[in-house]
Amino acid sequence: MEAQAALAKTIERSEGAVRKWLRGESEPNVTDLRSVCEQTGTSIEWLVSGNGRREAAAARRTRRAPPPPYQNTTRAQVDSQLLEGILLAVQEELRHTGLDLPLLKTVHARRDLVRPQSRA
């Protein structure tokens, strides 16, 4: 009885469902069979029919250590002057093609500070 309860808890099913399977009153669905096989290390063929190898192929292989957890690396600082220059160049190209899209609203003021236009 204790083994039935442990199996039921491990595969997240009720003890009553596991008891019915063992008494032959009902059969587990495919998902439940898969869970039982994963938890017990048995092959589904052996569990269903009694034929083939008892031990699942995955259980026969040596277990590898899980990969290390993902570590976010720090990103390089964005060169804002370079980015500004690229966006300004794109904006100028768009103006030459007849499109006037304000890509950099705040940059216009900065550009005027950096390169004041001559007043005639």
C-alpha atoms as a PDB file:
ATOM      1  CA  MET A   1       0.000   0.000   0.000  1.00  0.00           C
ATOM      2  CA  GLU A   2       2.816   2.399   0.802  1.00  0.00           C
ATOM      3  CA  ALA A   3       4.401   1.866  -2.648  1.00  0.00           C
ATOM      4  CA  GLN A   4       1.064   2.621  -4.313  1.00  0.00           C
ATOM      5  CA  ALA A   5       0.745   5.879  -2.389  1.00  0.00           C
ATOM      6  CA  ALA A   6       4.303   6.868  -3.236  1.00  0.00           C
ATOM      7  CA  LEU A   7       3.777   6.149  -6.933  1.00  0.00           C
ATOM      8  CA  ALA A   8       0.475   8.049  -6.947  1.00  0.00           C
ATOM      9  CA  LYS A   9       2.113  11.069  -5.349  1.00  0.00           C
ATOM     10  CA  THR A  10       5.105  10.924  -7.705  1.00  0.00           C
ATOM     11  CA  ILE A  11       3.000  10.868 -10.866  1.00  0.00           C
ATOM     12  CA  GLU A  12       0.424  13.270  -9.403  1.00  0.00           C
ATOM     13  CA  ARG A  13      -2.524  10.858  -9.525  1.00  0.00           C
ATOM     14  CA  SER A  14      -4.870   9.660  -6.807  1.00  0.00           C
ATOM     15  CA  GLU A  15      -4.122   6.542  -4.819  1.00  0.00           C
ATOM     16  CA  GLY A  16      -7.509   5.211  -5.858  1.00  0.00           C
ATOM     17  CA  ALA A  17      -6.609   5.495  -9.552  1.00  0.00           C
ATOM     18  CA  VAL A  18      -3.335   3.616  -9.014  1.00  0.00           C
ATOM     19  CA  ARG A  19      -5.139   0.893  -6.993  1.00  0.00           C
ATOM     20  CA  LYS A  20      -7.681   0.452  -9.816  1.00  0.00           C
ATOM     21  CA  TRP A  21      -4.843   0.049 -12.342  1.00  0.00           C
ATOM     22  CA  LEU A  22      -3.184  -2.588 -10.193  1.00  0.00           C
ATOM     23  CA  ARG A  23      -6.454  -4.498  -9.648  1.00  0.00           C
ATOM     24  CA  GLY A  24      -7.217  -4.351 -13.392  1.00  0.00           C
ATOM     25  CA  GLU A  25     -10.397  -2.330 -12.890  1.00  0.00           C
ATOM     26  CA  SER A  26      -9.181   0.457 -15.169  1.00  0.00           C
ATOM     27  CA  GLU A  27      -6.200   1.308 -17.339  1.00  0.00           C
ATOM     28  CA  PRO A  28      -3.951   4.358 -17.208  1.00  0.00           C
ATOM     29  CA  ASN A  29      -4.009   6.743 -20.147  1.00  0.00           C
ATOM     30  CA  VAL A  30      -0.923   7.335 -22.289  1.00  0.00           C
ATOM     31  CA  THR A  31       0.174  10.360 -20.266  1.00  0.00           C
ATOM     32  CA  ASP A  32      -0.044   8.362 -17.034  1.00  0.00           C
ATOM     33  CA  LEU A  33       1.887   5.465 -18.610  1.00  0.00           C
ATOM     34  CA  ARG A  34       4.597   7.856 -19.697  1.00  0.00           C
ATOM     35  CA  SER A  35       4.797   9.317 -16.193  1.00  0.00           C
ATOM     36  CA  VAL A  36       5.059   5.861 -14.620  1.00  0.00           C
ATOM     37  CA  CYS A  37       7.826   4.896 -17.062  1.00  0.00           C
ATOM     38  CA  GLU A  38       9.773   8.097 -16.422  1.00  0.00           C
ATOM     39  CA  GLN A  39       9.518   7.753 -12.654  1.00  0.00           C
ATOM     40  CA  THR A  40      10.301   4.025 -12.497  1.00  0.00           C
ATOM     41  CA  GLY A  41      12.852   3.831 -15.319  1.00  0.00           C
ATOM     42  CA  THR A  42      10.886   1.123 -17.106  1.00  0.00           C
ATOM     43  CA  SER A  43      10.163   0.877 -20.829  1.00  0.00           C
ATOM     44  CA  ILE A  44       6.588   1.482 -21.917  1.00  0.00           C
ATOM     45  CA  GLU A  45       6.653  -1.755 -23.964  1.00  0.00           C
ATOM     46  CA  TRP A  46       7.554  -3.799 -20.880  1.00  0.00           C
ATOM     47  CA  LEU A  47       5.040  -1.990 -18.700  1.00  0.00           C
ATOM     48  CA  VAL A  48       2.162  -2.554 -21.146  1.00  0.00           C
ATOM     49  CA  SER A  49       2.934  -6.027 -22.486  1.00  0.00           C
ATOM     50  CA  GLY A  50       5.656  -7.563 -20.323  1.00  0.00           C
ATOM     51  CA  ASN A  51       7.804  -7.967 -23.459  1.00  0.00           C
ATOM     52  CA  GLY A  52      11.126  -6.350 -24.273  1.00  0.00           C
ATOM     53  CA  ARG A  53      13.596  -4.903 -21.832  1.00  0.00           C
ATOM     54  CA  ARG A  54      12.299  -3.874 -18.468  1.00  0.00           C
ATOM     55  CA  GLU A  55      14.729  -1.005 -18.148  1.00  0.00           C
ATOM     56  CA  ALA A  56      14.044   2.002 -20.363  1.00  0.00           C
ATOM     57  CA  ALA A  57      16.756   3.022 -22.810  1.00  0.00           C
ATOM     58  CA  ALA A  58      17.077   6.419 -21.180  1.00  0.00           C
ATOM     59  CA  ALA A  59      17.599   4.818 -17.772  1.00  0.00           C
ATOM     60  CA  ARG A  60      20.375   2.595 -19.151  1.00  0.00           C
ATOM     61  CA  ARG A  61      22.391   5.580 -20.278  1.00  0.00           C
ATOM     62  CA  THR A  62      24.624   7.291 -17.798  1.00  0.00           C
ATOM     63  CA  ARG A  63      23.073  10.456 -16.586  1.00  0.00           C
ATOM     64  CA  ARG A  64      24.839  13.630 -17.592  1.00  0.00           C
ATOM     65  CA  ALA A  65      25.042  16.637 -15.367  1.00  0.00           C
ATOM     66  CA  PRO A  66      22.529  19.320 -16.312  1.00  0.00           C
ATOM     67  CA  PRO A  67      23.913  22.305 -18.181  1.00  0.00           C
ATOM     68  CA  PRO A  68      24.892  25.275 -16.043  1.00  0.00           C
ATOM     69  CA  PRO A  69      22.187  27.903 -15.558  1.00  0.00           C
ATOM     70  CA  TYR A  70      22.059  30.751 -18.056  1.00  0.00           C
ATOM     71  CA  GLN A  71      24.207  33.690 -17.067  1.00  0.00           C
ATOM     72  CA  ASN A  72      23.487  37.043 -18.614  1.00  0.00           C
ATOM     73  CA  THR A  73      26.686  38.720 -19.691  1.00  0.00           C
ATOM     74  CA  THR A  74      27.019  42.449 -19.439  1.00  0.00           C
ATOM     75  CA  ARG A  75      26.555  44.215 -22.702  1.00  0.00           C
ATOM     76  CA  ALA A  76      28.980  46.701 -24.112  1.00  0.00           C
ATOM     77  CA  GLN A  77      28.017  50.321 -23.679  1.00  0.00           C
ATOM     78  CA  VAL A  78      26.175  51.773 -26.682  1.00  0.00           C
ATOM     79  CA  ASP A  79      28.099  54.517 -28.457  1.00  0.00           C
ATOM     80  CA  SER A  80      25.332  57.127 -28.428  1.00  0.00           C
ATOM     81  CA  GLN A  81      27.235  59.555 -30.668  1.00  0.00           C
ATOM     82  CA  LEU A  82      27.696  56.877 -33.319  1.00  0.00           C
ATOM     83  CA  LEU A  83      24.034  55.876 -33.062  1.00  0.00           C
ATOM     84  CA  GLU A  84      22.975  59.506 -33.327  1.00  0.00           C
ATOM     85  CA  GLY A  85      25.155  59.965 -36.400  1.00  0.00           C
ATOM     86  CA  ILE A  86      23.672  56.916 -38.086  1.00  0.00           C
ATOM     87  CA  LEU A  87      20.119  58.033 -37.382  1.00  0.00           C
ATOM     88  CA  LEU A  88      20.866  61.531 -38.660  1.00  0.00           C
ATOM     89  CA  ALA A  89      22.338  60.086 -41.861  1.00  0.00           C
ATOM     90  CA  VAL A  90      19.236  57.925 -42.340  1.00  0.00           C
ATOM     91  CA  GLN A  91      17.034  60.939 -41.744  1.00  0.00           C
ATOM     92  CA  GLU A  92      18.953  62.977 -44.341  1.00  0.00           C
ATOM     93  CA  GLU A  93      18.611  60.149 -46.892  1.00  0.00           C
ATOM     94  CA  LEU A  94      14.878  60.032 -46.223  1.00  0.00           C
ATOM     95  CA  ARG A  95      14.627  63.787 -46.775  1.00  0.00           C
ATOM     96  CA  HIS A  96      16.421  63.428 -50.121  1.00  0.00           C
ATOM     97  CA  THR A  97      13.820  60.875 -51.202  1.00  0.00           C
ATOM     98  CA  GLY A  98      10.985  63.216 -50.236  1.00  0.00           C
ATOM     99  CA  LEU A  99      10.153  61.763 -46.848  1.00  0.00           C
ATOM    100  CA  ASP A 100      10.496  63.985 -43.836  1.00  0.00           C
ATOM    101  CA  LEU A 101      10.211  61.705 -40.819  1.00  0.00           C
ATOM    102  CA  PRO A 102      11.311  63.156 -37.501  1.00  0.00           C
ATOM    103  CA  LEU A 103      13.403  60.210 -36.309  1.00  0.00           C
ATOM    104  CA  LEU A 104      15.357  62.224 -33.779  1.00  0.00           C
ATOM    105  CA  LYS A 105      13.322  64.983 -32.194  1.00  0.00           C
ATOM    106  CA  THR A 106      15.752  65.584 -29.355  1.00  0.00           C
ATOM    107  CA  VAL A 107      18.820  65.276 -31.561  1.00  0.00           C
ATOM    108  CA  HIS A 108      17.897  68.303 -33.663  1.00  0.00           C
ATOM    109  CA  ALA A 109      18.542  70.551 -30.693  1.00  0.00           C
ATOM    110  CA  ARG A 110      21.799  68.762 -29.896  1.00  0.00           C
ATOM    111  CA  ARG A 111      22.934  68.922 -33.532  1.00  0.00           C
ATOM    112  CA  ASP A 112      22.287  72.674 -33.559  1.00  0.00           C
ATOM    113  CA  LEU A 113      24.387  73.009 -30.420  1.00  0.00           C
ATOM    114  CA  VAL A 114      27.205  70.973 -31.898  1.00  0.00           C
ATOM    115  CA  ARG A 115      27.111  72.450 -35.402  1.00  0.00           C
ATOM    116  CA  PRO A 116      25.535  75.905 -35.241  1.00  0.00           C
ATOM    117  CA  GLN A 117      24.236  76.990 -38.599  1.00  0.00           C
ATOM    118  CA  SER A 118      25.631  80.209 -39.988  1.00  0.00           C
ATOM    119  CA  ARG A 119      23.248  83.097 -40.021  1.00  0.00           C
ATOM    120  CA  ALA A 120      23.450  85.284 -43.060  1.00  0.00           C
END
